[in-house]
C-alpha atoms as a PDB file:
ATOM      1  CA  MET A   1      -1.748 -17.217   2.732  1.00  0.00           C
ATOM      2  CA  ALA A   2      -0.013 -19.314   5.248  1.00  0.00           C
ATOM      3  CA  THR A   3       0.406 -18.240   8.639  1.00  0.00           C
ATOM      4  CA  ASP A   4       3.077 -18.950  11.037  1.00  0.00           C
ATOM      5  CA  TRP A   5       0.443 -18.848  14.120  1.00  0.00           C
ATOM      6  CA  ALA A   6       2.960 -20.204  16.600  1.00  0.00           C
ATOM      7  CA  TYR A   7       5.269 -17.148  16.010  1.00  0.00           C
ATOM      8  CA  ILE A   8       3.005 -14.376  15.851  1.00  0.00           C
ATOM      9  CA  MET A   9       1.020 -15.299  19.096  1.00  0.00           C
ATOM     10  CA  ASN A  10       4.308 -14.584  20.780  1.00  0.00           C
ATOM     11  CA  LYS A  11       3.707 -11.110  19.492  1.00  0.00           C
ATOM     12  CA  LYS A  12       0.792 -10.717  21.940  1.00  0.00           C
ATOM     13  CA  VAL A  13       2.301  -7.618  24.108  1.00  0.00           C
ATOM     14  CA  GLU A  14       3.452  -5.810  21.062  1.00  0.00           C
ATOM     15  CA  MET A  15       0.042  -6.142  19.596  1.00  0.00           C
ATOM     16  CA  SER A  16      -1.334  -4.842  22.980  1.00  0.00           C
ATOM     17  CA  GLY A  17       0.437  -1.890  22.326  1.00  0.00           C
ATOM     18  CA  LEU A  18       0.228  -1.191  18.711  1.00  0.00           C
ATOM     19  CA  ARG A  19      -0.891   2.426  18.071  1.00  0.00           C
ATOM     20  CA  ILE A  20      -3.296   1.987  15.331  1.00  0.00           C
ATOM     21  CA  ALA A  21      -4.701   4.251  12.611  1.00  0.00           C
ATOM     22  CA  VAL A  22      -7.810   3.216  10.467  1.00  0.00           C
ATOM     23  CA  ALA A  23      -8.961   5.341   7.718  1.00  0.00           C
ATOM     24  CA  ASP A  24     -12.405   4.876   6.143  1.00  0.00           C
ATOM     25  CA  ASP A  25     -15.215   7.208   4.886  1.00  0.00           C
ATOM     26  CA  HIS A  26     -18.025   5.183   6.654  1.00  0.00           C
ATOM     27  CA  GLN A  27     -18.601   5.445  10.250  1.00  0.00           C
ATOM     28  CA  LEU A  28     -20.147   2.199  10.634  1.00  0.00           C
ATOM     29  CA  VAL A  29     -16.805   0.435   9.042  1.00  0.00           C
ATOM     30  CA  LEU A  30     -14.899   2.759  11.140  1.00  0.00           C
ATOM     31  CA  GLU A  31     -16.949   1.728  14.742  1.00  0.00           C
ATOM     32  CA  GLY A  32     -16.887  -1.742  13.443  1.00  0.00           C
ATOM     33  CA  PHE A  33     -13.071  -1.962  13.439  1.00  0.00           C
ATOM     34  CA  GLY A  34     -12.683  -0.192  16.668  1.00  0.00           C
ATOM     35  CA  SER A  35     -15.036  -2.604  18.440  1.00  0.00           C
ATOM     36  CA  LEU A  36     -13.341  -5.631  16.552  1.00  0.00           C
ATOM     37  CA  LEU A  37      -9.505  -4.184  17.779  1.00  0.00           C
ATOM     38  CA  ALA A  38     -10.622  -3.503  20.852  1.00  0.00           C
ATOM     39  CA  ARG A  39     -12.088  -7.118  21.475  1.00  0.00           C
ATOM     40  CA  ASN A  40      -8.679  -8.459  20.105  1.00  0.00           C
ATOM     41  CA  GLY A  41      -6.374  -6.645  22.907  1.00  0.00           C
ATOM     42  CA  MET A  42      -5.913  -3.308  20.706  1.00  0.00           C
ATOM     43  CA  GLN A  43      -6.487  -0.393  22.791  1.00  0.00           C
ATOM     44  CA  ARG A  44      -4.604   2.329  20.870  1.00  0.00           C
ATOM     45  CA  VAL A  45      -6.988   2.746  18.180  1.00  0.00           C
ATOM     46  CA  GLU A  46      -7.449   6.068  16.281  1.00  0.00           C
ATOM     47  CA  LEU A  47     -10.291   6.095  13.638  1.00  0.00           C
ATOM     48  CA  PHE A  48     -10.542   8.660  10.856  1.00  0.00           C
ATOM     49  CA  ARG A  49     -13.313   9.522   8.406  1.00  0.00           C
ATOM     50  CA  CYS A  50     -10.653  11.958   6.232  1.00  0.00           C
ATOM     51  CA  ALA A  51      -7.260  11.703   4.868  1.00  0.00           C
ATOM     52  CA  ALA A  52      -6.032  15.081   5.948  1.00  0.00           C
ATOM     53  CA  ASP A  53      -6.763  14.144   9.734  1.00  0.00           C
ATOM     54  CA  LEU A  54      -4.768  11.031   9.533  1.00  0.00           C
ATOM     55  CA  ILE A  55      -1.783  12.590   7.896  1.00  0.00           C
ATOM     56  CA  GLU A  56      -2.338  15.608  10.444  1.00  0.00           C
ATOM     57  CA  SER A  57      -2.083  13.004  13.394  1.00  0.00           C
ATOM     58  CA  GLN A  58       0.702  11.030  12.113  1.00  0.00           C
ATOM     59  CA  ARG A  59       2.790  14.263  11.752  1.00  0.00           C
ATOM     60  CA  ARG A  60       2.744  14.699  15.503  1.00  0.00           C
ATOM     61  CA  GLN A  61       3.488  10.983  16.294  1.00  0.00           C
ATOM     62  CA  ALA A  62       3.706   8.068  13.904  1.00  0.00           C
ATOM     63  CA  TYR A  63       1.324   4.920  14.044  1.00  0.00           C
ATOM     64  CA  ASP A  64       3.020   1.322  14.181  1.00  0.00           C
ATOM     65  CA  LEU A  65      -0.044  -0.047  11.389  1.00  0.00           C
ATOM     66  CA  TYR A  66      -2.113   1.994   9.145  1.00  0.00           C
ATOM     67  CA  ILE A  67      -5.345   0.440   7.944  1.00  0.00           C
ATOM     68  CA  VAL A  68      -6.558   2.460   4.904  1.00  0.00           C
ATOM     69  CA  ASP A  69      -9.658   2.238   2.473  1.00  0.00           C
ATOM     70  CA  LEU A  70      -8.874   3.422  -1.092  1.00  0.00           C
ATOM     71  CA  GLU A  71     -12.202   5.475  -1.231  1.00  0.00           C
ATOM     72  CA  MET A  72     -11.638   8.635   0.824  1.00  0.00           C
ATOM     73  CA  PRO A  73     -13.531  11.709   0.517  1.00  0.00           C
ATOM     74  CA  ASP A  74     -10.658  14.213   0.589  1.00  0.00           C
ATOM     75  CA  MET A  75      -7.846  12.200  -1.026  1.00  0.00           C
ATOM     76  CA  ASP A  76      -7.283   9.338  -3.410  1.00  0.00           C
ATOM     77  CA  GLY A  77      -6.309   6.207  -1.597  1.00  0.00           C
ATOM     78  CA  PHE A  78      -3.308   5.647  -3.571  1.00  0.00           C
ATOM     79  CA  ASP A  79      -2.180   9.325  -2.794  1.00  0.00           C
ATOM     80  CA  LEU A  80      -2.744   8.602   1.156  1.00  0.00           C
ATOM     81  CA  ILE A  81      -0.722   5.701   0.730  1.00  0.00           C
ATOM     82  CA  LEU A  82       2.511   7.921  -0.627  1.00  0.00           C
ATOM     83  CA  SER A  83       1.397  10.467   1.900  1.00  0.00           C
ATOM     84  CA  ILE A  84       1.918   8.385   4.883  1.00  0.00           C
ATOM     85  CA  ARG A  85       5.181   7.088   3.191  1.00  0.00           C
ATOM     86  CA  ARG A  86       6.808  10.422   2.688  1.00  0.00           C
ATOM     87  CA  ILE A  87       6.213  11.188   6.538  1.00  0.00           C
ATOM     88  CA  GLN A  88       7.487   7.768   7.544  1.00  0.00           C
ATOM     89  CA  PRO A  89       8.908   5.548   4.686  1.00  0.00           C
ATOM     90  CA  ASP A  90       8.853   2.145   6.927  1.00  0.00           C
ATOM     91  CA  ALA A  91       5.318   2.478   7.464  1.00  0.00           C
ATOM     92  CA  THR A  92       3.159  -0.773   7.707  1.00  0.00           C
ATOM     93  CA  ILE A  93       0.070  -0.182   5.771  1.00  0.00           C
ATOM     94  CA  VAL A  94      -3.022  -2.461   5.259  1.00  0.00           C
ATOM     95  CA  VAL A  95      -5.442  -1.709   2.667  1.00  0.00           C
ATOM     96  CA  ASN A  96      -8.948  -2.679   3.191  1.00  0.00           C
ATOM     97  CA  THR A  97     -10.940  -2.418  -0.021  1.00  0.00           C
ATOM     98  CA  ILE A  98     -13.713  -3.507  -2.291  1.00  0.00           C
ATOM     99  CA  HIS A  99     -12.062  -2.748  -5.439  1.00  0.00           C
ATOM    100  CA  ASP A 100     -10.852  -6.195  -6.735  1.00  0.00           C
ATOM    101  CA  GLU A 101      -9.575  -5.235 -10.050  1.00  0.00           C
ATOM    102  CA  LEU A 102      -6.447  -6.480 -11.567  1.00  0.00           C
ATOM    103  CA  TRP A 103      -5.299  -3.130 -12.043  1.00  0.00           C
ATOM    104  CA  THR A 104      -5.835  -1.984  -8.533  1.00  0.00           C
ATOM    105  CA  ILE A 105      -4.357  -5.316  -7.039  1.00  0.00           C
ATOM    106  CA  ARG A 106      -1.254  -4.723  -9.489  1.00  0.00           C
ATOM    107  CA  ARG A 107      -0.872  -0.941  -8.280  1.00  0.00           C
ATOM    108  CA  LEU A 108      -0.899  -1.787  -4.634  1.00  0.00           C
ATOM    109  CA  VAL A 109       1.659  -4.545  -5.088  1.00  0.00           C
ATOM    110  CA  ALA A 110       3.833  -2.226  -6.538  1.00  0.00           C
ATOM    111  CA  ASN A 111       3.249   0.365  -4.098  1.00  0.00           C
ATOM    112  CA  GLY A 112       4.530  -1.745  -1.270  1.00  0.00           C
ATOM    113  CA  VAL A 113       1.763  -2.280   0.983  1.00  0.00           C
ATOM    114  CA  ASN A 114       2.220  -4.833   3.163  1.00  0.00           C
ATOM    115  CA  GLY A 115      -1.453  -6.446   3.251  1.00  0.00           C
ATOM    116  CA  ILE A 116      -4.439  -6.399   0.975  1.00  0.00           C
ATOM    117  CA  LEU A 117      -8.041  -7.419   1.974  1.00  0.00           C
ATOM    118  CA  PHE A 118     -11.240  -7.329   0.438  1.00  0.00           C
ATOM    119  CA  LYS A 119     -14.150  -5.945   2.866  1.00  0.00           C
ATOM    120  CA  SER A 120     -16.194  -8.688   2.000  1.00  0.00           C
ATOM    121  CA  LEU A 121     -13.848 -11.193   4.077  1.00  0.00           C
ATOM    122  CA  ASP A 122     -14.988 -11.886   7.813  1.00  0.00           C
ATOM    123  CA  SER A 123     -13.389 -10.189  10.428  1.00  0.00           C
ATOM    124  CA  LEU A 124     -10.950 -13.420  11.288  1.00  0.00           C
ATOM    125  CA  HIS A 125      -8.899 -12.162   8.239  1.00  0.00           C
ATOM    126  CA  ILE A 126      -8.495  -8.843   9.488  1.00  0.00           C
ATOM    127  CA  ILE A 127      -7.048 -10.092  12.669  1.00  0.00           C
ATOM    128  CA  GLU A 128      -4.658 -12.579  10.845  1.00  0.00           C
ATOM    129  CA  ALA A 129      -3.758  -9.787   8.415  1.00  0.00           C
ATOM    130  CA  ILE A 130      -2.649  -7.602  11.657  1.00  0.00           C
ATOM    131  CA  ARG A 131      -0.769 -10.256  13.388  1.00  0.00           C
ATOM    132  CA  ALA A 132       0.949 -10.942  10.254  1.00  0.00           C
ATOM    133  CA  VAL A 133       2.184  -7.629   9.113  1.00  0.00           C
ATOM    134  CA  VAL A 134       3.137  -6.872  12.414  1.00  0.00           C
ATOM    135  CA  ALA A 135       5.294 -10.145  12.689  1.00  0.00           C
ATOM    136  CA  GLY A 136       7.196  -8.834   9.556  1.00  0.00           C
ATOM    137  CA  ARG A 137       5.152 -10.724   6.833  1.00  0.00           C
ATOM    138  CA  ARG A 138       3.187  -9.595   4.086  1.00  0.00           C
ATOM    139  CA  TYR A 139      -0.518 -10.628   3.727  1.00  0.00           C
ATOM    140  CA  TYR A 140      -2.472 -11.133   0.760  1.00  0.00           C
ATOM    141  CA  CYS A 141      -5.952 -12.609   1.055  1.00  0.00           C
ATOM    142  CA  LEU A 142      -6.503 -15.861  -1.106  1.00  0.00           C
ATOM    143  CA  GLU A 143      -8.138 -13.634  -3.781  1.00  0.00           C
ATOM    144  CA  VAL A 144      -5.443 -11.563  -4.075  1.00  0.00           C
ATOM    145  CA  MET A 145      -3.066 -14.194  -4.334  1.00  0.00           C
ATOM    146  CA  GLU A 146      -5.009 -15.615  -6.972  1.00  0.00           C
ATOM    147  CA  ALA A 147      -5.206 -12.432  -9.065  1.00  0.00           C
ATOM    148  CA  ILE A 148      -1.417 -12.067  -8.906  1.00  0.00           C
ATOM    149  CA  GLN A 149      -0.692 -15.593  -9.730  1.00  0.00           C
ATOM    150  CA  MET A 150      -2.621 -15.318 -12.774  1.00  0.00           C
ATOM    151  CA  MET A 151      -0.729 -11.815 -13.728  1.00  0.00           C
ATOM    152  CA  GLU A 152       2.576 -13.560 -13.293  1.00  0.00           C
ATOM    153  CA  ASP A 153       1.303 -16.524 -15.515  1.00  0.00           C
ATOM    154  CA  CYS A 154       0.864 -13.738 -18.084  1.00  0.00           C
ATOM    155  CA  GLY A 155       4.104 -12.661 -17.617  1.00  0.00           C
ATOM    156  CA  MET A 156       3.618  -9.260 -16.001  1.00  0.00           C
ATOM    157  CA  GLU A 157       6.277  -7.922 -14.005  1.00  0.00           C
ATOM    158  CA  HIS A 158       5.683  -5.079 -11.546  1.00  0.00           C
ATOM    159  CA  PRO A 159       7.754  -2.027 -11.013  1.00  0.00           C
ATOM    160  CA  SER A 160       9.506  -1.601  -7.705  1.00  0.00           C
ATOM    161  CA  GLN A 161       8.554   1.252  -5.245  1.00  0.00           C
ATOM    162  CA  ARG A 162      11.491   3.271  -6.509  1.00  0.00           C
ATOM    163  CA  GLU A 163      10.648   2.562 -10.464  1.00  0.00           C
ATOM    164  CA  MET A 164       7.188   3.977  -9.372  1.00  0.00           C
ATOM    165  CA  GLU A 165       8.490   6.976  -8.018  1.00  0.00           C
ATOM    166  CA  VAL A 166      10.553   7.682 -11.192  1.00  0.00           C
ATOM    167  CA  LEU A 167       7.532   6.662 -13.207  1.00  0.00           C
ATOM    168  CA  ARG A 168       5.060   9.299 -11.538  1.00  0.00           C
ATOM    169  CA  ALA A 169       8.311  11.643 -12.401  1.00  0.00           C
ATOM    170  CA  ILE A 170       8.281  11.067 -15.813  1.00  0.00           C
ATOM    171  CA  ALA A 171       4.650  11.590 -16.066  1.00  0.00           C
ATOM    172  CA  ASP A 172       5.278  14.988 -14.390  1.00  0.00           C
ATOM    173  CA  GLY A 173       7.540  15.712 -17.167  1.00  0.00           C
ATOM    174  CA  LYS A 174      10.593  15.919 -14.919  1.00  0.00           C
ATOM    175  CA  THR A 175      14.006  15.280 -16.922  1.00  0.00           C
ATOM    176  CA  SER A 176      16.450  12.825 -15.718  1.00  0.00           C
ATOM    177  CA  LYS A 177      18.201  15.483 -13.619  1.00  0.00           C
ATOM    178  CA  GLU A 178      15.137  16.656 -12.069  1.00  0.00           C
ATOM    179  CA  ILE A 179      14.283  13.358 -10.906  1.00  0.00           C
ATOM    180  CA  ALA A 180      17.784  12.663  -9.349  1.00  0.00           C
ATOM    181  CA  GLU A 181      17.491  15.874  -7.427  1.00  0.00           C
ATOM    182  CA  LYS A 182      13.936  15.209  -6.262  1.00  0.00           C
ATOM    183  CA  LEU A 183      14.575  11.494  -5.112  1.00  0.00           C
ATOM    184  CA  PHE A 184      18.155  12.119  -4.054  1.00  0.00           C
ATOM    185  CA  ILE A 185      19.956   9.233  -6.473  1.00  0.00           C
ATOM    186  CA  SER A 186      22.336   9.773  -8.821  1.00  0.00           C
ATOM    187  CA  LEU A 187      21.444  10.279 -12.433  1.00  0.00           C
ATOM    188  CA  ASN A 188      22.946   6.953 -13.664  1.00  0.00           C
ATOM    189  CA  THR A 189      20.552   5.307 -11.124  1.00  0.00           C
ATOM    190  CA  VAL A 190      17.573   7.271 -12.571  1.00  0.00           C
ATOM    191  CA  GLU A 191      18.674   6.080 -16.075  1.00  0.00           C
ATOM    192  CA  ALA A 192      18.945   2.401 -14.531  1.00  0.00           C
ATOM    193  CA  HIS A 193      15.414   2.712 -13.246  1.00  0.00           C
ATOM    194  CA  ARG A 194      14.152   4.218 -16.728  1.00  0.00           C
ATOM    195  CA  LYS A 195      15.853   1.624 -18.512  1.00  0.00           C
ATOM    196  CA  SER A 196      14.385  -1.248 -16.173  1.00  0.00           C
ATOM    197  CA  LEU A 197      10.826   0.289 -16.529  1.00  0.00           C
ATOM    198  CA  PHE A 198      11.027   0.043 -20.284  1.00  0.00           C
ATOM    199  CA  THR A 199      12.057  -3.253 -20.111  1.00  0.00           C
ATOM    200  CA  LYS A 200       9.128  -4.183 -17.526  1.00  0.00           C
ATOM    201  CA  MET A 201       6.644  -2.407 -19.527  1.00  0.00           C
ATOM    202  CA  ARG A 202       8.052  -3.902 -22.732  1.00  0.00           C
ATOM    203  CA  VAL A 203       8.000  -0.391 -24.501  1.00  0.00           C
ATOM    204  CA  ARG A 204      10.848   1.410 -26.574  1.00  0.00           C
ATOM    205  CA  ASN A 205       9.762   5.104 -25.729  1.00  0.00           C
ATOM    206  CA  THR A 206       8.596   7.140 -23.205  1.00  0.00           C
ATOM    207  CA  ALA A 207       5.286   8.240 -24.909  1.00  0.00           C
ATOM    208  CA  ASP A 208       4.656   4.129 -24.919  1.00  0.00           C
ATOM    209  CA  LEU A 209       5.612   3.753 -21.206  1.00  0.00           C
ATOM    210  CA  LEU A 210       3.339   6.644 -20.312  1.00  0.00           C
ATOM    211  CA  MET A 211       0.460   4.823 -22.090  1.00  0.00           C
ATOM    212  CA  LYS A 212       0.647   1.264 -21.191  1.00  0.00           C
ATOM    213  CA  ALA A 213       1.521   2.844 -17.635  1.00  0.00           C
ATOM    214  CA  ILE A 214      -1.970   4.117 -17.807  1.00  0.00           C
ATOM    215  CA  ARG A 215      -3.294   1.292 -19.392  1.00  0.00           C
ATOM    216  CA  ARG A 216      -2.060  -0.749 -16.466  1.00  0.00           C
ATOM    217  CA  GLY A 217      -3.385   1.441 -13.596  1.00  0.00           C
ATOM    218  CA  TYR A 218       0.026   2.524 -12.520  1.00  0.00           C
ATOM    219  CA  LEU A 219      -0.737   6.076 -13.680  1.00  0.00           C
ATOM    220  CA  GLU A 220      -3.917   8.322 -13.538  1.00  0.00           C
END
């Protein structure tokens, strides 16, 4: 993804003051992140080997940036993303993962993460991703962009973040009224999201919607 370096380099002061949380289940990866970020002027970095510790720390004080793995020992990575966003809806999240499957990428995009990186990439991409998302942009590495382009060429439409919330509530067996109360939106809005889901998934009923959502990786 092209990056406006002249613009983001002006963010140097803000970068140095960023409060960053890094979550990964491998100690060596965490230590590598800590060293890399410190060398690039980011000193306010906290490292977490389990999701629960990160969430507990976030409740005390929010972070400017979250860099998370999808495989944590105590929580699914997608659940961790949702937990972070429940506490801090506008949280900036970069996912650093080994998983390059289409359904994983599709689900991350649907969850509105700000950046997606593969662990096979070198450290330059990590710093570039941080600078980009701090500047208010999304950063998807080249391999992710190619996968997204392929999905678009196949005519795949992704649910929005709100539609994903409605989809998960439907999967939990909640009625439209219950979903409206849970998400603090009107019943008409719920029905509009439901209709949009049916259109994007190209289905005619709830059973088919849930089956296709599972096949595409939007639901467990």
